[in-house]
């Protein structure tokens, strides 16, 4: 005994015949591949714009190019004498640079408006003092896109 509800959900024979055709299957696969490719290209462009893939790319590059002798590098670091570098910027200067950074990150690139912001600072390297001006330069966000840089 068949129920009437079961008969309602049968796939019509035209739709079933359509998917049985090789051409229809090929077109379906082709459209699916094209849509997936376009979505992946969009996703990759978005990751590049937001600078979120830079860390993964740098990790892979550094792993391939790094010298594997960790013990040798450790002892060289322990017995080396490092230079002390200080950058002295007043509070208003830090706020101006942070504003320029946030503005550039929101716009997607460093414009002339952000490049025109210049802050006076004092650079000290091993007791030698230099007066410098700091400003965001370049066009890409590769240095200011990540807060850790």
Protein backbone atom coordinates (compact mmCIF):
# COMPACT_ATOMS: atom_id res chain seq x y z
CA UNK A 1 0.00 0.00 0.00
CA UNK A 2 1.43 3.41 -1.03
CA UNK A 3 0.74 6.57 0.86
CA UNK A 4 -0.30 9.72 -0.99
CA UNK A 5 2.47 11.69 0.76
CA UNK A 6 5.13 9.46 -0.79
CA UNK A 7 3.81 10.09 -4.28
CA UNK A 8 4.08 13.89 -3.87
CA UNK A 9 7.87 13.87 -3.31
CA UNK A 10 8.82 11.84 -6.39
CA UNK A 11 11.26 13.57 -8.71
CA UNK A 12 9.63 14.24 -12.08
CA UNK A 13 10.93 12.11 -14.90
CA UNK A 14 12.05 15.19 -16.90
CA UNK A 15 14.47 16.26 -14.16
CA UNK A 16 15.76 12.71 -13.78
CA UNK A 17 16.29 12.43 -17.56
CA UNK A 18 18.08 15.80 -17.59
CA UNK A 19 20.72 14.67 -15.09
CA UNK A 20 21.19 11.39 -16.88
CA UNK A 21 22.52 13.19 -19.93
CA UNK A 22 26.31 13.41 -20.14
CA UNK A 23 26.21 16.96 -21.48
CA UNK A 24 24.10 18.17 -18.59
CA UNK A 25 26.46 16.57 -16.10
CA UNK A 26 29.45 18.14 -17.83
CA UNK A 27 27.85 21.59 -17.80
CA UNK A 28 26.95 21.21 -14.13
CA UNK A 29 30.53 20.24 -13.24
CA UNK A 30 31.96 23.08 -15.34
CA UNK A 31 29.71 25.70 -13.74
CA UNK A 32 30.54 24.36 -10.29
CA UNK A 33 34.30 24.53 -10.98
CA UNK A 34 34.03 28.08 -12.38
CA UNK A 35 32.01 29.33 -9.41
CA UNK A 36 34.41 27.68 -6.94
CA UNK A 37 37.42 29.18 -8.75
CA UNK A 38 35.94 32.67 -8.69
CA UNK A 39 35.11 32.38 -5.00
CA UNK A 40 38.68 31.24 -4.23
CA UNK A 41 40.15 34.12 -6.25
CA UNK A 42 37.94 36.57 -4.34
CA UNK A 43 38.94 35.02 -1.01
CA UNK A 44 42.64 35.19 -1.91
CA UNK A 45 42.33 38.83 -2.95
CA UNK A 46 40.55 39.64 0.31
CA UNK A 47 43.26 37.93 2.35
CA UNK A 48 45.95 39.83 0.45
CA UNK A 49 44.15 43.15 0.94
CA UNK A 50 43.71 42.54 4.65
CA UNK A 51 47.32 41.31 5.01
CA UNK A 52 46.18 38.21 6.86
CA UNK A 53 48.11 35.74 4.71
CA UNK A 54 51.39 37.60 5.03
CA UNK A 55 52.26 35.78 8.23
CA UNK A 56 51.60 32.32 6.76
CA UNK A 57 53.62 33.11 3.61
CA UNK A 58 56.48 34.51 5.67
CA UNK A 59 56.42 31.43 7.88
CA UNK A 60 56.75 29.10 4.91
CA UNK A 61 59.46 31.24 3.31
CA UNK A 62 61.42 31.52 6.55
CA UNK A 63 61.23 27.78 7.21
CA UNK A 64 62.64 27.07 3.76
CA UNK A 65 65.42 29.67 3.98
CA UNK A 66 66.40 29.41 7.65
CA UNK A 67 69.63 27.83 8.74
CA UNK A 68 68.70 24.74 10.73
CA UNK A 69 71.65 24.85 13.14
CA UNK A 70 69.68 26.15 16.11
CA UNK A 71 72.37 25.39 18.71
CA UNK A 72 75.01 27.35 16.80
CA UNK A 73 72.66 30.33 16.40
CA UNK A 74 71.74 30.19 20.09
CA UNK A 75 75.34 30.42 21.28
CA UNK A 76 76.13 33.17 18.78
CA UNK A 77 73.22 35.13 20.19
CA UNK A 78 74.25 34.56 23.81
CA UNK A 79 77.82 35.73 23.30
CA UNK A 80 77.12 38.64 20.94
CA UNK A 81 77.00 42.25 22.02
CA UNK A 82 73.86 43.97 20.87
CA UNK A 83 73.36 47.64 20.14
CA UNK A 84 70.80 49.53 22.15
CA UNK A 85 68.39 51.49 20.00
CA UNK A 86 65.91 53.96 21.48
CA UNK A 87 63.30 55.98 19.66
CA UNK A 88 61.91 58.81 21.75
CA UNK A 89 58.59 60.19 20.50
CA UNK A 90 56.26 62.41 22.47
CA UNK A 91 52.67 61.34 23.12
CA UNK A 92 51.14 63.60 20.46
CA UNK A 93 53.54 62.15 17.90
CA UNK A 94 52.54 58.58 18.77
CA UNK A 95 48.87 59.56 18.49
CA UNK A 96 49.48 61.17 15.06
CA UNK A 97 51.26 58.04 13.77
CA UNK A 98 48.50 55.80 15.14
CA UNK A 99 45.89 57.98 13.43
CA UNK A 100 47.80 57.76 10.12
CA UNK A 101 48.09 53.98 10.47
CA UNK A 102 44.39 53.48 11.24
CA UNK A 103 43.40 55.76 8.38
CA UNK A 104 45.64 53.87 5.93
CA UNK A 105 44.39 50.46 7.10
CA UNK A 106 40.77 51.59 6.68
CA UNK A 107 41.47 52.92 3.16
CA UNK A 108 43.55 49.92 2.07
CA UNK A 109 46.71 51.88 1.16
CA UNK A 110 48.91 54.70 2.41
CA UNK A 111 47.73 57.87 0.68
CA UNK A 112 49.52 61.21 0.39
CA UNK A 113 47.45 62.47 3.32
CA UNK A 114 49.00 59.84 5.64
CA UNK A 115 52.47 60.34 4.13
CA UNK A 116 52.29 64.06 4.85
CA UNK A 117 52.03 63.37 8.59
CA UNK A 118 55.53 63.78 10.00
CA UNK A 119 56.63 63.44 13.62
CA UNK A 120 59.85 64.65 15.17
CA UNK A 121 61.70 62.07 17.24
CA UNK A 122 65.08 61.34 18.77
CA UNK A 123 66.95 58.20 17.76
CA UNK A 124 69.67 56.99 20.12
CA UNK A 125 72.08 54.23 19.06
CA UNK A 126 74.78 53.32 21.60
CA UNK A 127 74.82 56.78 23.21
CA UNK A 128 74.85 58.59 19.84
CA UNK A 129 71.78 60.78 19.41
CA UNK A 130 70.16 61.74 16.12
CA UNK A 131 67.17 63.99 15.42
CA UNK A 132 64.84 62.28 12.96
CA UNK A 133 61.41 62.71 11.38
CA UNK A 134 59.10 59.70 11.19
CA UNK A 135 56.23 59.26 8.75
CA UNK A 136 54.39 56.37 7.10
CA UNK A 137 55.76 55.88 3.58
CA UNK A 138 55.14 53.61 0.61
CA UNK A 139 51.83 52.56 -0.87
CA UNK A 140 51.20 49.08 0.49
CA UNK A 141 50.21 48.10 4.00
CA UNK A 142 52.93 45.46 4.30
CA UNK A 143 54.62 47.20 7.23
CA UNK A 144 51.72 48.90 8.96
CA UNK A 145 49.03 46.31 8.21
CA UNK A 146 50.19 44.11 11.08
CA UNK A 147 50.28 45.60 14.58
CA UNK A 148 53.31 43.43 15.48
CA UNK A 149 55.60 45.06 12.89
